[in-house]
Amino acid sequence: MTVDQALIAIIDSDDSLRARLRILLEAAGLKIELFKSAEEYLTRSKSRSPNCIVLDARLPGISGLDLQSRQAKTSRKTPLVFLTAQNEVRASVRAMKAGAIDVLTKPFQDGELLDAVRSGIKRDLAARLQKQTLDELRTRLASLSPRERETMTLLSAGQGPKQIAGQLGICTHTARVHSGRIMAKMGARSIADLVRMVDRLEHLSREAEGHHFRINSKCRATNRGGAIVRRSDAHTCPDGDSVGSRGQFISWKSRLLAYPECQQPPGLQLLRP
């Protein structure tokens, strides 16, 4: 999608102003949807989310500021361009502090509005692209086994096959096999590429790091100060030699990446603070 293909929602109770804005924005090649109130917008705009919303700060019923507050509580935060009267200084300040693209005082210049709308569209397109990229990374991560996820954390930290084998209690050959599968499944062309992917995936887990974690065993793990998780499983190498990993320790960060967000590690209890 390009800026010219973007969809703009106009929410204003003034019929003449809605008509003026429609002519202005359609002349700029933008697609327009008109709404008389925030209630109408919330009812009708479920099929496709607009790339930018132009709205009056003091709409009857649910005001523009109230709509902004509602949107802040959702995952979809459409950029907003507010229109206000000259004496609505508090509303303007509140809107800008809450992240509005711009607040234009009526009467406004056409060029000012077009510049604000285009800025909102560009921000929205960038956010959509980032979400798409993260969704793709999540899908790739879901294709990895728990052991491959642990290996990926160590691999992206610069550790070689022998070091990874020692950390996870597996043989060097198996560590190399895991590493090759990880690079293929993640679509990483190099270790540097994999590191960038892991950095983005760790960003997805930051919300979970605000909680406390506990293992259902003698070991404990929290998210503070390099906490650890004890493994009690064992691994058998391809040649049949058993490499026991009982008592092997791995970092909590590695375990969190191995079981991101909705995937809770076996035997792990999530305690809300």
Protein backbone atom coordinates (compact mmCIF):
# COMPACT_ATOMS: atom_id res chain seq x y z
CA MET A 1 0.00 0.00 0.00
CA THR A 2 1.18 3.53 -0.84
CA VAL A 3 0.24 6.89 0.65
CA ASP A 4 -2.11 7.61 -2.26
CA GLN A 5 -4.02 4.34 -1.66
CA ALA A 6 -4.63 5.06 2.01
CA LEU A 7 -8.06 5.20 3.64
CA ILE A 8 -8.95 8.26 5.72
CA ALA A 9 -11.84 8.38 8.19
CA ILE A 10 -13.43 11.79 8.77
CA ILE A 11 -15.49 12.11 11.96
CA ASP A 12 -17.31 15.42 12.39
CA SER A 13 -20.89 16.44 13.14
CA ASP A 14 -20.67 19.44 10.77
CA ASP A 15 -22.09 18.39 7.38
CA SER A 16 -20.46 21.24 5.48
CA LEU A 17 -17.03 20.56 7.00
CA ARG A 18 -17.26 16.85 6.19
CA ALA A 19 -18.10 17.75 2.58
CA ARG A 20 -15.17 20.17 2.37
CA LEU A 21 -12.73 17.64 3.78
CA ARG A 22 -13.97 14.97 1.41
CA ILE A 23 -13.36 17.18 -1.64
CA LEU A 24 -9.91 18.18 -0.37
CA LEU A 25 -8.67 14.68 0.43
CA GLU A 26 -10.18 12.96 -2.59
CA ALA A 27 -8.47 15.57 -4.77
CA ALA A 28 -5.22 14.40 -3.20
CA GLY A 29 -5.98 10.83 -4.34
CA LEU A 30 -7.07 9.49 -0.94
CA LYS A 31 -10.02 7.23 -0.17
CA ILE A 32 -12.51 8.70 2.27
CA GLU A 33 -15.12 7.41 4.72
CA LEU A 34 -17.45 9.91 6.44
CA PHE A 35 -18.93 9.59 9.94
CA LYS A 36 -21.19 11.98 11.85
CA SER A 37 -20.14 10.69 15.29
CA ALA A 38 -17.67 8.47 17.09
CA GLU A 39 -20.50 6.01 17.77
CA GLU A 40 -21.15 5.66 14.03
CA TYR A 41 -17.44 5.16 13.41
CA LEU A 42 -17.18 2.42 16.03
CA THR A 43 -20.18 0.65 14.53
CA ARG A 44 -19.28 0.90 10.84
CA SER A 45 -15.48 0.79 10.66
CA LYS A 46 -14.93 -2.87 11.54
CA SER A 47 -14.35 -4.16 8.02
CA ARG A 48 -11.19 -2.16 7.30
CA SER A 49 -9.12 -0.07 9.64
CA PRO A 50 -8.28 3.42 8.28
CA ASN A 51 -4.71 4.62 7.96
CA CYS A 52 -5.52 7.98 9.56
CA ILE A 53 -8.51 9.61 11.28
CA VAL A 54 -9.44 13.29 11.06
CA LEU A 55 -11.86 14.15 13.85
CA ASP A 56 -13.32 16.93 15.96
CA ALA A 57 -12.03 16.95 19.53
CA ARG A 58 -15.49 17.88 20.90
CA LEU A 59 -17.83 15.47 19.12
CA PRO A 60 -21.30 15.04 20.66
CA GLY A 61 -21.67 11.82 22.63
CA ILE A 62 -18.31 10.05 22.59
CA SER A 63 -15.89 12.92 22.06
CA GLY A 64 -12.80 12.77 19.90
CA LEU A 65 -10.65 12.73 23.04
CA ASP A 66 -12.68 9.85 24.46
CA LEU A 67 -12.21 7.92 21.22
CA GLN A 68 -8.48 8.52 21.49
CA SER A 69 -8.52 7.14 25.05
CA ARG A 70 -10.42 4.04 23.91
CA GLN A 71 -8.02 3.45 21.07
CA ALA A 72 -5.02 3.69 23.42
CA LYS A 73 -6.32 0.58 25.22
CA THR A 74 -6.32 -1.51 22.03
CA SER A 75 -3.51 -2.99 19.96
CA ARG A 76 -4.59 -1.00 16.88
CA LYS A 77 -3.60 2.64 17.30
CA THR A 78 -4.66 4.56 14.20
CA PRO A 79 -2.93 7.98 13.87
CA LEU A 80 -5.27 10.87 14.73
CA VAL A 81 -5.45 14.45 13.41
CA PHE A 82 -7.65 16.61 15.65
CA LEU A 83 -9.69 19.68 14.70
CA THR A 84 -10.46 22.14 17.51
CA ALA A 85 -11.95 25.57 18.11
CA GLN A 86 -9.65 28.46 19.00
CA ASN A 87 -10.51 28.39 22.71
CA GLU A 88 -9.90 24.65 23.22
CA VAL A 89 -6.34 24.90 24.49
CA ARG A 90 -6.70 22.13 27.11
CA ALA A 91 -8.16 19.74 24.57
CA SER A 92 -5.26 20.46 22.20
CA VAL A 93 -2.65 19.82 24.88
CA ARG A 94 -4.37 16.61 26.00
CA ALA A 95 -4.59 15.30 22.44
CA MET A 96 -0.92 15.98 21.70
CA LYS A 97 0.27 14.43 24.96
CA ALA A 98 -1.73 11.30 24.09
CA GLY A 99 0.10 10.96 20.78
CA ALA A 100 -1.97 12.84 18.17
CA ILE A 101 -0.22 13.56 14.87
CA ASP A 102 -1.38 17.18 14.95
CA VAL A 103 -4.08 19.48 16.32
CA LEU A 104 -5.39 22.05 13.84
CA THR A 105 -7.40 25.06 14.95
CA LYS A 106 -10.46 25.98 12.90
CA PRO A 107 -10.33 27.62 10.43
CA PHE A 108 -7.25 25.75 9.16
CA GLN A 109 -5.30 25.89 5.92
CA ASP A 110 -5.80 23.06 3.42
CA GLY A 111 -2.03 22.54 3.17
CA GLU A 112 -1.75 22.11 6.93
CA LEU A 113 -4.37 19.39 6.95
CA LEU A 114 -2.87 17.54 4.00
CA ASP A 115 0.60 17.59 5.60
CA ALA A 116 -0.79 16.26 8.88
CA VAL A 117 -2.77 13.50 7.18
CA ARG A 118 0.22 12.40 5.09
CA SER A 119 2.37 12.26 8.25
CA GLY A 120 -0.28 10.09 9.89
CA ILE A 121 -0.43 7.75 6.88
CA LYS A 122 3.35 7.33 6.83
CA ARG A 123 3.38 6.50 10.54
CA ASP A 124 0.58 3.98 10.09
CA LEU A 125 2.21 2.26 7.11
CA ALA A 126 5.47 1.95 9.06
CA ALA A 127 3.62 0.43 12.03
CA ARG A 128 1.80 -2.06 9.77
CA LEU A 129 5.07 -3.09 8.12
CA GLN A 130 6.70 -3.61 11.51
CA LYS A 131 3.77 -5.74 12.69
CA GLN A 132 3.90 -7.84 9.53
CA THR A 133 7.62 -8.42 10.02
CA LEU A 134 7.14 -9.45 13.66
CA ASP A 135 4.26 -11.76 12.74
CA GLU A 136 6.49 -13.48 10.19
CA LEU A 137 9.23 -13.89 12.80
CA ARG A 138 6.72 -15.34 15.26
CA THR A 139 5.63 -17.88 12.64
CA ARG A 140 9.24 -18.87 12.00
CA LEU A 141 9.90 -19.13 15.73
CA ALA A 142 6.86 -21.39 16.16
CA SER A 143 8.43 -23.83 13.68
CA LEU A 144 11.42 -24.37 16.00
CA SER A 145 11.47 -27.07 18.65
CA PRO A 146 12.11 -25.98 22.26
CA ARG A 147 15.70 -27.26 22.01
CA GLU A 148 16.25 -25.36 18.77
CA ARG A 149 15.00 -22.17 20.44
CA GLU A 150 17.46 -22.64 23.29
CA THR A 151 20.21 -23.25 20.76
CA MET A 152 19.23 -20.14 18.81
CA THR A 153 19.66 -17.97 21.90
CA LEU A 154 23.17 -19.30 22.49
CA LEU A 155 24.06 -19.17 18.79
CA SER A 156 22.98 -15.53 18.53
CA ALA A 157 25.11 -14.77 21.60
CA GLY A 158 28.21 -15.79 19.63
CA GLN A 159 28.74 -19.26 21.07
CA GLY A 160 30.12 -22.03 18.85
CA PRO A 161 28.96 -25.65 18.56
CA LYS A 162 31.24 -26.90 21.37
CA GLN A 163 30.11 -24.18 23.75
CA ILE A 164 26.46 -24.77 22.89
CA ALA A 165 26.91 -28.50 23.42
CA GLY A 166 28.39 -27.87 26.86
CA GLN A 167 25.63 -25.45 27.84
CA LEU A 168 22.77 -27.72 26.80
CA GLY A 169 24.34 -31.09 27.64
CA ILE A 170 24.30 -32.40 24.07
CA CYS A 171 27.04 -33.61 21.73
CA THR A 172 28.81 -31.24 19.32
CA HIS A 173 27.39 -32.98 16.26
CA THR A 174 23.83 -32.42 17.51
CA ALA A 175 24.59 -28.76 18.25
CA ARG A 176 25.75 -28.32 14.64
CA VAL A 177 22.61 -30.04 13.33
CA HIS A 178 20.39 -27.78 15.46
CA SER A 179 22.30 -24.69 14.28
CA GLY A 180 21.85 -25.60 10.62
CA ARG A 181 18.14 -26.25 11.06
CA ILE A 182 17.70 -22.95 12.92
CA MET A 183 19.35 -20.93 10.14
CA ALA A 184 17.15 -22.64 7.54
CA LYS A 185 13.86 -22.35 9.45
CA MET A 186 14.44 -18.73 10.46
CA GLY A 187 15.56 -17.76 6.95
CA ALA A 188 18.76 -16.23 8.34
CA ARG A 189 21.54 -15.67 5.82
CA SER A 190 24.19 -15.11 8.49
CA ILE A 191 24.71 -15.07 12.25
CA ALA A 192 24.38 -11.27 12.15
CA ASP A 193 21.01 -11.69 10.46
CA LEU A 194 19.94 -14.18 13.15
CA VAL A 195 21.04 -11.78 15.89
CA ARG A 196 18.78 -9.07 14.47
CA MET A 197 15.87 -11.52 14.44
CA VAL A 198 16.48 -12.55 18.05
CA ASP A 199 16.59 -8.90 19.12
CA ARG A 200 13.16 -8.35 17.60
CA LEU A 201 11.78 -11.52 19.16
CA GLU A 202 13.06 -10.49 22.59
CA HIS A 203 11.08 -7.29 22.18
CA LEU A 204 7.93 -9.43 22.02
CA SER A 205 8.74 -10.96 25.41
CA ARG A 206 9.29 -7.71 27.33
CA GLU A 207 5.75 -7.64 28.71
CA ALA A 208 6.25 -11.12 30.16
CA GLU A 209 9.43 -10.01 31.93
CA GLY A 210 7.34 -7.88 34.30
CA HIS A 211 6.04 -11.01 36.01
CA HIS A 212 7.59 -13.42 38.52
CA PHE A 213 8.19 -17.04 37.60
CA ARG A 214 8.52 -20.17 39.71
CA ILE A 215 9.52 -23.74 38.88
CA ASN A 216 7.55 -26.65 40.39
CA SER A 217 10.68 -28.21 41.85
CA LYS A 218 13.46 -27.35 44.24
CA CYS A 219 14.72 -24.75 41.80
CA ARG A 220 13.34 -21.25 41.54
CA ALA A 221 13.58 -18.66 38.81
CA THR A 222 12.62 -15.01 38.69
CA ASN A 223 13.26 -12.32 36.15
CA ARG A 224 15.76 -10.55 38.37
CA GLY A 225 19.53 -10.66 38.28
CA GLY A 226 20.43 -13.49 35.90
CA ALA A 227 18.02 -16.06 37.31
CA ILE A 228 18.39 -19.67 36.19
CA VAL A 229 16.30 -22.68 35.31
CA ARG A 230 17.46 -26.23 36.03
CA ARG A 231 17.00 -28.87 33.34
CA SER A 232 16.49 -32.48 34.39
CA ASP A 233 16.10 -34.15 31.00
CA ALA A 234 18.75 -36.15 29.13
CA HIS A 235 19.85 -36.19 25.51
CA THR A 236 21.03 -39.12 23.39
CA CYS A 237 23.48 -38.42 20.58
CA PRO A 238 23.07 -39.95 17.12
CA ASP A 239 25.87 -42.43 17.86
CA GLY A 240 23.91 -43.77 20.84
CA ASP A 241 26.03 -42.21 23.59
CA SER A 242 23.92 -40.64 26.30
CA VAL A 243 24.90 -37.15 27.32
CA GLY A 244 23.07 -36.47 30.55
CA SER A 245 21.96 -32.89 31.10
CA ARG A 246 20.56 -33.50 34.56
CA GLY A 247 21.55 -30.54 36.67
CA GLN A 248 22.45 -28.52 33.59
CA PHE A 249 21.67 -24.80 33.98
CA ILE A 250 20.47 -22.44 31.28
CA SER A 251 19.65 -18.76 31.58
CA TRP A 252 16.07 -17.63 32.18
CA LYS A 253 16.33 -15.37 29.13
CA SER A 254 17.02 -18.44 27.01
CA ARG A 255 14.08 -20.29 28.56
CA LEU A 256 11.77 -17.31 28.01
CA LEU A 257 12.69 -17.21 24.34
CA ALA A 258 12.27 -20.97 24.10
CA TYR A 259 8.73 -20.65 25.43
CA PRO A 260 7.57 -17.17 24.33
CA GLU A 261 4.49 -15.57 25.88
CA CYS A 262 1.63 -18.07 25.47
CA GLN A 263 3.94 -21.12 25.55
CA GLN A 264 4.65 -21.77 29.21
CA PRO A 265 7.59 -24.08 30.00
CA PRO A 266 6.69 -27.49 31.48
CA GLY A 267 6.49 -27.33 35.25
CA LEU A 268 6.53 -23.54 35.27
CA GLN A 269 4.01 -21.43 37.16
CA LEU A 270 3.40 -17.81 36.20
CA LEU A 271 2.75 -15.68 39.25
CA ARG A 272 1.16 -12.29 38.74
CA PRO A 273 2.80 -9.56 40.81
